[in-house]
Amino acid sequence: MAGRELLAAAGVLFPDDQGRVLVARVSYLTKHPIEVLGGGWDASDPSPRYTAVREIQEELGITPVLRELACLDWSRDRHRPPIAAFLYWADPLTAEQRAAIRLETEELDALVYLTPDQLLSALPPLLSRRVGSCVLAPRSAAPLELADGLPVGHTARHLRPWPAPAYTGPAGIADLLPPGGDRVAPPPPMDRETYLASRPRIRAKARTLFTDGRGRVLLVRLAPWNGESPWVLPGGSIEADRELPREAARRETREELDWDCEPGRLLAIDWMPGVDGQLARTVLVFDGGTVTSELLATVRLQEEELSEWGLFEPEEARRLLPPAGAGRLAACLAVRALPPGAGPAELVNGVPQSGSPPVAGPGGSRG
């Protein structure tokens, strides 16, 4: 099952009234000293949105006001596990917040606002593509769907891949940074391999929403297992070490229904916290569009995993699905009714998300 596991991280973009974005210089010796604020998801975090708030509290000593999810970037690298990177827009920092900032000095030693052009050169290439996409695309298109920092799905309607600018790191913005960049920096708290090994993993699923000409929803029923046989949207686990979510959605449709269909736009990103010892997971739902009666006649179920399929009116489908799946379906149908350039819904357990969640203090409830 290790091939299905990936890391998760959450970052925050603080804009200012000049169109710039806040980034940080790290305190320790590293190949890429300029980074976006944020960090890795912890197993005790109920969602990436929570992770983003917690990380800013730890790094800056203030609580941000989060707005929309800017992007989900599914990023792969042969030197590390794949990462589902969530990046959020926040409200600009107020004068009171700026005065209250207390840097986590073991991690960060400077903050600086950069223009889009400066960002693209100062950040390492993958992060440059990710942040650049969020800054250059209209915020109405959020959340953006990215793969290795490049626009896919509905995001490609708003952006086209652009030539990578020369990477300068801190050298290109030296006149904007406070003194200290030329000091002898200490080594990082732990080496890269140890850090990656210490991080918790999640899993992910890719599902597809198909409807017929009457608007009925296609559901499949899982073969009985442990006394259960639930109805679900077609789809299954993403083999995170070898495929992107869209590739998984295409493969699962071929395996489960014997259809060769290209996934449409991403409709929903649903975070499912881990329960009863299970890993947390994120469920991505793609639009399969309207299918014809001729195509429906060719369904060939994956018999070892599925017992039956059916077409159901949306209300009936929501009654058949588990609660999170019912909420997810409602959100997907709502996004489907929006213009093609609209982004997916951000959900947790099928519930739409907006604004900052409550964050626990010492000994408090996480809400």
Protein backbone atom coordinates (compact mmCIF):
# COMPACT_ATOMS: atom_id res chain seq x y z
CA MET A 1 0.00 0.00 0.00
CA ALA A 2 3.04 2.30 0.31
CA GLY A 3 2.73 3.23 -3.37
CA ARG A 4 -0.61 4.87 -2.59
CA GLU A 5 0.74 7.11 0.15
CA LEU A 6 1.82 10.72 -0.21
CA LEU A 7 2.67 13.75 1.88
CA ALA A 8 0.48 16.80 2.40
CA ALA A 9 1.47 20.42 3.04
CA ALA A 10 -0.30 23.77 3.37
CA GLY A 11 1.00 27.27 2.69
CA VAL A 12 -0.40 30.79 2.90
CA LEU A 13 -0.21 33.69 0.47
CA PHE A 14 -0.45 37.12 2.13
CA PRO A 15 -1.03 39.82 -0.53
CA ASP A 16 -0.61 43.54 0.03
CA ASP A 17 -2.30 46.51 -1.61
CA GLN A 18 0.45 46.74 -4.24
CA GLY A 19 -0.10 43.24 -5.60
CA ARG A 20 2.93 41.79 -3.84
CA VAL A 21 3.07 38.54 -1.85
CA LEU A 22 4.87 37.86 1.44
CA VAL A 23 7.68 35.28 1.49
CA ALA A 24 10.35 34.36 4.02
CA ARG A 25 14.08 33.66 4.19
CA VAL A 26 14.92 30.55 6.18
CA SER A 27 17.41 30.67 9.04
CA TYR A 28 19.35 27.49 8.34
CA LEU A 29 21.65 26.36 5.56
CA THR A 30 19.61 25.17 2.58
CA LYS A 31 19.78 25.06 -1.19
CA HIS A 32 16.66 27.25 -1.57
CA PRO A 33 16.53 29.97 1.15
CA ILE A 34 13.36 31.80 -0.02
CA GLU A 35 10.07 30.04 0.64
CA VAL A 36 6.34 30.53 1.09
CA LEU A 37 5.02 30.60 4.65
CA GLY A 38 3.52 27.31 5.80
CA GLY A 39 4.61 23.73 6.26
CA GLY A 40 3.75 20.07 6.48
CA TRP A 41 0.42 18.61 7.53
CA ASP A 42 0.47 16.85 10.91
CA ALA A 43 -1.59 13.76 11.63
CA SER A 44 -3.40 15.65 14.42
CA ASP A 45 -4.53 18.40 12.01
CA PRO A 46 -8.18 17.93 10.98
CA SER A 47 -7.64 19.57 7.58
CA PRO A 48 -5.06 21.38 5.43
CA ARG A 49 -6.85 24.66 6.22
CA TYR A 50 -6.16 24.00 9.89
CA THR A 51 -2.52 23.19 9.03
CA ALA A 52 -2.14 26.53 7.27
CA VAL A 53 -3.44 28.48 10.29
CA ARG A 54 -1.31 26.46 12.75
CA GLU A 55 1.85 26.96 10.71
CA ILE A 56 1.39 30.74 10.58
CA GLN A 57 0.76 30.84 14.31
CA GLU A 58 4.00 28.93 14.86
CA GLU A 59 6.09 30.83 12.31
CA LEU A 60 4.84 34.39 12.85
CA GLY A 61 3.02 34.31 16.18
CA ILE A 62 -0.22 35.66 14.65
CA THR A 63 -3.48 34.13 13.43
CA PRO A 64 -4.21 34.70 9.74
CA VAL A 65 -7.66 35.19 8.24
CA LEU A 66 -7.78 32.60 5.49
CA ARG A 67 -9.93 33.04 2.43
CA GLU A 68 -10.23 30.71 -0.56
CA LEU A 69 -8.04 27.74 -1.36
CA ALA A 70 -5.71 29.14 -4.02
CA CYS A 71 -4.59 25.83 -5.49
CA LEU A 72 -4.01 22.14 -5.03
CA ASP A 73 -0.72 21.17 -6.63
CA TRP A 74 -0.01 17.47 -6.98
CA SER A 75 3.75 17.35 -7.18
CA ARG A 76 6.08 14.42 -7.88
CA ASP A 77 9.86 14.13 -7.58
CA ARG A 78 12.06 11.05 -7.85
CA HIS A 79 13.96 12.18 -4.75
CA ARG A 80 10.94 12.27 -2.41
CA PRO A 81 7.35 11.01 -2.03
CA PRO A 82 4.64 12.83 -3.98
CA ILE A 83 3.06 15.81 -2.20
CA ALA A 84 -0.47 17.22 -2.25
CA ALA A 85 0.31 20.91 -1.69
CA PHE A 86 -2.58 23.14 -0.58
CA LEU A 87 -2.00 26.88 -0.90
CA TYR A 88 -4.43 29.41 0.62
CA TRP A 89 -5.06 33.09 0.10
CA ALA A 90 -5.25 35.15 3.29
CA ASP A 91 -6.41 38.65 4.06
CA PRO A 92 -3.61 41.25 3.91
CA LEU A 93 -1.85 41.67 7.24
CA THR A 94 -3.16 44.58 9.26
CA ALA A 95 -0.86 47.11 10.93
CA GLU A 96 -1.62 45.43 14.26
CA GLN A 97 -0.72 42.01 12.91
CA ARG A 98 2.54 43.26 11.39
CA ALA A 99 3.49 44.84 14.73
CA ALA A 100 2.71 41.57 16.55
CA ILE A 101 4.84 39.32 14.31
CA ARG A 102 7.42 37.29 16.20
CA LEU A 103 9.45 35.12 13.86
CA GLU A 104 10.17 31.52 14.76
CA THR A 105 13.90 32.21 14.60
CA GLU A 106 14.96 28.56 14.34
CA GLU A 107 13.08 28.45 11.03
CA LEU A 108 12.88 32.00 9.62
CA ASP A 109 15.00 35.14 9.86
CA ALA A 110 13.39 37.61 7.40
CA LEU A 111 10.14 38.50 5.66
CA VAL A 112 9.81 40.40 2.39
CA TYR A 113 7.01 41.33 -0.02
CA LEU A 114 7.78 40.49 -3.66
CA THR A 115 6.13 41.43 -6.94
CA PRO A 116 5.04 38.59 -9.25
CA ASP A 117 8.18 39.00 -11.37
CA GLN A 118 10.40 38.92 -8.30
CA LEU A 119 8.58 35.86 -6.95
CA LEU A 120 9.13 33.86 -10.12
CA SER A 121 12.91 34.28 -9.89
CA ALA A 122 13.41 34.18 -6.13
CA LEU A 123 11.49 30.95 -5.49
CA PRO A 124 12.81 27.55 -6.62
CA PRO A 125 11.32 26.35 -9.93
CA LEU A 126 8.47 24.15 -8.67
CA LEU A 127 7.39 26.68 -6.05
CA SER A 128 7.80 29.45 -8.61
CA ARG A 129 5.34 27.71 -10.95
CA ARG A 130 2.90 27.00 -8.12
CA VAL A 131 2.86 30.49 -6.62
CA GLY A 132 3.11 32.11 -10.03
CA SER A 133 -0.04 30.30 -11.16
CA CYS A 134 -1.95 31.54 -8.11
CA VAL A 135 -0.75 35.12 -8.57
CA LEU A 136 -1.27 35.30 -12.34
CA ALA A 137 -4.66 33.58 -12.57
CA PRO A 138 -7.85 35.44 -11.57
CA ARG A 139 -8.82 34.63 -7.99
CA SER A 140 -12.31 33.79 -9.24
CA ALA A 141 -10.77 30.67 -10.80
CA ALA A 142 -9.60 29.30 -7.44
CA PRO A 143 -8.93 26.65 -6.41
CA LEU A 144 -6.54 26.07 -9.30
CA GLU A 145 -5.75 22.52 -10.34
CA LEU A 146 -2.00 22.09 -10.86
CA ALA A 147 0.26 19.15 -11.64
CA ASP A 148 3.92 19.72 -10.81
CA GLY A 149 3.08 23.43 -10.72
CA LEU A 150 1.62 23.44 -14.24
CA PRO A 151 -2.01 24.31 -15.09
CA VAL A 152 -4.34 21.41 -15.91
CA GLY A 153 -8.11 21.07 -16.13
CA HIS A 154 -10.06 24.31 -15.78
CA THR A 155 -6.84 26.14 -14.82
CA ALA A 156 -5.60 25.81 -18.40
CA ARG A 157 -8.50 28.05 -19.46
CA HIS A 158 -6.91 30.88 -17.48
CA LEU A 159 -3.19 30.16 -17.85
CA ARG A 160 -0.77 28.64 -20.27
CA PRO A 161 2.63 27.29 -19.23
CA TRP A 162 5.16 30.10 -19.33
CA PRO A 163 8.94 29.98 -19.82
CA ALA A 164 10.69 29.47 -16.50
CA PRO A 165 12.62 32.61 -15.52
CA ALA A 166 16.21 32.30 -14.43
CA TYR A 167 16.35 31.17 -10.81
CA THR A 168 18.26 33.67 -8.70
CA GLY A 169 17.18 32.80 -5.16
CA PRO A 170 17.99 35.51 -2.63
CA ALA A 171 20.71 37.02 -4.85
CA GLY A 172 18.09 38.56 -7.15
CA ILE A 173 16.34 40.34 -4.28
CA ALA A 174 19.37 41.10 -2.11
CA ASP A 175 18.57 44.81 -1.99
CA LEU A 176 15.11 44.02 -0.54
CA LEU A 177 16.26 41.69 2.22
CA PRO A 178 17.53 42.76 5.64
CA PRO A 179 21.17 42.02 6.52
CA GLY A 180 22.08 38.50 7.50
CA GLY A 181 21.90 36.56 4.28
CA ASP A 182 25.69 36.32 4.06
CA ARG A 183 26.13 34.90 7.55
CA VAL A 184 27.32 31.36 8.20
CA ALA A 185 23.99 29.60 8.56
CA PRO A 186 23.62 26.57 10.83
CA PRO A 187 22.61 23.18 9.38
CA PRO A 188 18.88 22.39 9.23
CA PRO A 189 17.28 20.80 12.31
CA MET A 190 17.36 17.38 10.59
CA ASP A 191 18.62 16.04 7.28
CA ARG A 192 16.23 15.72 4.34
CA GLU A 193 15.88 11.93 4.46
CA THR A 194 15.14 11.92 8.18
CA TYR A 195 12.62 14.73 7.78
CA LEU A 196 10.76 12.98 4.95
CA ALA A 197 10.71 9.70 6.87
CA SER A 198 9.22 11.48 9.90
CA ARG A 199 6.30 13.05 8.05
CA PRO A 200 2.83 11.43 8.19
CA ARG A 201 1.28 10.13 5.00
CA ILE A 202 -2.19 10.40 3.52
CA ARG A 203 -3.96 8.54 0.72
CA ALA A 204 -6.08 9.85 -2.12
CA LYS A 205 -8.96 8.71 -4.29
CA ALA A 206 -10.09 9.86 -7.72
CA ARG A 207 -13.78 9.57 -8.58
CA THR A 208 -15.85 10.63 -11.58
CA LEU A 209 -19.37 12.03 -11.79
CA PHE A 210 -21.32 10.71 -14.79
CA THR A 211 -24.94 11.62 -15.52
CA ASP A 212 -27.30 10.56 -18.27
CA GLY A 213 -29.46 12.77 -20.49
CA ARG A 214 -32.12 12.99 -17.77
CA GLY A 215 -29.62 14.19 -15.16
CA ARG A 216 -29.54 10.89 -13.28
CA VAL A 217 -26.31 10.06 -11.45
CA LEU A 218 -24.34 6.90 -12.19
CA LEU A 219 -23.42 5.02 -9.00
CA VAL A 220 -21.68 1.69 -8.56
CA ARG A 221 -22.07 -0.66 -5.61
CA LEU A 222 -19.01 -2.16 -4.00
CA ALA A 223 -18.86 -5.92 -3.61
CA PRO A 224 -19.74 -7.01 -0.06
CA TRP A 225 -16.84 -6.70 2.38
CA ASN A 226 -16.98 -6.87 6.17
CA GLY A 227 -20.76 -6.92 5.94
CA GLU A 228 -20.99 -3.71 3.92
CA SER A 229 -21.76 -3.00 0.27
CA PRO A 230 -22.04 0.80 -0.14
CA TRP A 231 -22.93 2.80 -3.23
CA VAL A 232 -20.22 5.20 -4.48
CA LEU A 233 -19.28 7.28 -7.50
CA PRO A 234 -17.04 5.29 -9.86
CA GLY A 235 -13.37 5.51 -8.96
CA GLY A 236 -10.78 4.39 -6.47
CA SER A 237 -7.31 4.82 -5.03
CA ILE A 238 -4.65 6.94 -6.70
CA GLU A 239 -1.34 5.11 -7.09
CA ALA A 240 0.46 8.19 -5.84
CA ASP A 241 4.00 7.08 -6.70
CA ARG A 242 3.23 6.47 -10.37
CA GLU A 243 0.22 8.51 -11.54
CA LEU A 244 -1.43 11.90 -11.31
CA PRO A 245 -5.07 12.18 -10.17
CA ARG A 246 -6.38 12.57 -13.71
CA GLU A 247 -4.52 9.47 -14.78
CA ALA A 248 -6.03 7.59 -11.84
CA ALA A 249 -9.55 8.74 -12.72
CA ARG A 250 -9.07 7.55 -16.31
CA ARG A 251 -7.62 4.18 -15.18
CA GLU A 252 -10.36 3.58 -12.60
CA THR A 253 -13.11 4.30 -15.15
CA ARG A 254 -11.51 1.88 -17.58
CA GLU A 255 -11.12 -0.84 -14.93
CA GLU A 256 -14.55 -0.44 -13.30
CA LEU A 257 -16.82 0.35 -16.27
CA ASP A 258 -14.69 -0.65 -19.29
CA TRP A 259 -14.92 2.90 -20.63
CA ASP A 260 -12.00 4.88 -22.00
CA CYS A 261 -13.00 8.42 -20.96
CA GLU A 262 -10.93 11.56 -20.49
CA PRO A 263 -11.79 13.21 -17.15
CA GLY A 264 -13.35 16.65 -17.38
CA ARG A 265 -12.82 19.47 -14.92
CA LEU A 266 -12.14 18.92 -11.26
CA LEU A 267 -15.41 19.43 -9.34
CA ALA A 268 -14.44 18.87 -5.71
CA ILE A 269 -11.48 18.45 -3.36
CA ASP A 270 -12.74 16.69 -0.24
CA TRP A 271 -10.48 16.16 2.79
CA MET A 272 -11.43 13.13 4.89
CA PRO A 273 -9.76 13.08 8.34
CA GLY A 274 -8.44 9.70 9.47
CA VAL A 275 -10.66 7.77 11.91
CA ASP A 276 -10.16 4.50 13.78
CA GLY A 277 -6.48 4.33 12.88
CA GLN A 278 -7.02 4.92 9.16
CA LEU A 279 -4.90 7.41 7.24
CA ALA A 280 -6.48 10.72 6.29
CA ARG A 281 -7.29 10.97 2.60
CA THR A 282 -8.34 13.47 0.00
CA VAL A 283 -11.01 12.64 -2.55
CA LEU A 284 -10.90 14.36 -5.94
CA VAL A 285 -14.04 14.21 -8.07
CA PHE A 286 -13.83 14.85 -11.82
CA ASP A 287 -16.65 15.59 -14.25
CA GLY A 288 -17.42 12.69 -16.58
CA GLY A 289 -20.12 14.66 -18.38
CA THR A 290 -23.37 13.40 -19.87
CA VAL A 291 -23.21 9.85 -21.19
CA THR A 292 -25.39 8.42 -23.90
CA SER A 293 -27.64 5.37 -23.69
CA GLU A 294 -25.34 3.72 -26.23
CA LEU A 295 -22.34 4.14 -23.93
CA LEU A 296 -24.32 2.98 -20.89
CA ALA A 297 -25.16 -0.21 -22.77
CA THR A 298 -21.44 -1.04 -22.89
CA VAL A 299 -20.85 -1.02 -19.11
CA ARG A 300 -18.78 -4.03 -18.05
CA LEU A 301 -18.34 -4.01 -14.30
CA GLN A 302 -15.11 -5.02 -12.57
CA GLU A 303 -16.74 -8.07 -11.01
CA GLU A 304 -14.16 -8.69 -8.28
CA GLU A 305 -14.80 -5.20 -6.82
CA LEU A 306 -18.31 -4.17 -7.90
CA SER A 307 -21.66 -5.92 -7.62
CA GLU A 308 -24.01 -3.63 -9.58
CA TRP A 309 -24.54 -0.19 -11.05
CA GLY A 310 -27.51 2.10 -11.46
CA LEU A 311 -28.79 5.52 -12.49
CA PHE A 312 -30.46 7.59 -9.78
CA GLU A 313 -32.10 10.97 -9.51
CA PRO A 314 -29.77 13.31 -7.55
CA GLU A 315 -31.94 13.25 -4.40
CA GLU A 316 -32.12 9.46 -4.47
CA ALA A 317 -28.37 9.20 -5.09
CA ARG A 318 -27.68 11.40 -2.06
CA ARG A 319 -29.86 9.12 0.09
CA LEU A 320 -27.90 6.07 -1.06
CA LEU A 321 -24.48 7.58 -0.47
CA PRO A 322 -22.83 7.88 2.96
CA PRO A 323 -23.13 11.39 4.50
CA ALA A 324 -19.78 12.68 3.24
CA GLY A 325 -20.45 11.27 -0.23
CA ALA A 326 -23.91 12.88 -0.28
CA GLY A 327 -22.47 16.29 0.57
CA ARG A 328 -19.73 15.78 -2.00
CA LEU A 329 -22.26 14.95 -4.72
CA ALA A 330 -24.32 18.06 -3.92
CA ALA A 331 -21.20 20.23 -4.12
CA CYS A 332 -20.14 18.64 -7.41
CA LEU A 333 -23.52 19.22 -9.01
CA ALA A 334 -23.44 22.84 -7.86
CA VAL A 335 -19.97 23.41 -9.37
CA ARG A 336 -21.05 21.68 -12.55
CA ALA A 337 -23.75 24.35 -12.99
CA LEU A 338 -21.16 27.15 -12.86
CA PRO A 339 -19.26 28.51 -15.90
CA PRO A 340 -16.52 26.15 -17.19
CA GLY A 341 -13.73 28.33 -15.79
CA ALA A 342 -14.93 28.01 -12.18
CA GLY A 343 -12.79 26.09 -9.74
CA PRO A 344 -13.72 23.04 -7.64
CA ALA A 345 -15.37 23.07 -4.23
CA GLU A 346 -13.14 22.75 -1.16
CA LEU A 347 -14.75 20.32 1.30
CA VAL A 348 -14.00 18.55 4.56
CA ASN A 349 -16.09 15.39 5.04
CA GLY A 350 -18.38 16.68 2.31
CA VAL A 351 -18.94 20.06 3.99
CA PRO A 352 -17.99 23.25 2.06
CA GLN A 353 -15.19 25.27 3.66
CA SER A 354 -14.70 29.03 3.93
CA GLY A 355 -12.84 31.32 6.31
CA SER A 356 -10.46 30.30 9.06
CA PRO A 357 -11.30 27.36 11.33
CA PRO A 358 -11.03 27.59 15.12
CA VAL A 359 -7.51 26.79 16.27
CA ALA A 360 -6.85 25.28 19.67
CA GLY A 361 -4.61 26.85 22.26
CA PRO A 362 -2.76 24.74 24.82
CA GLY A 363 -5.11 22.19 26.25
CA GLY A 364 -8.05 23.48 24.19
CA SER A 365 -10.43 21.83 21.78
CA ARG A 366 -9.60 21.71 18.10
CA GLY A 367 -13.19 22.29 17.11
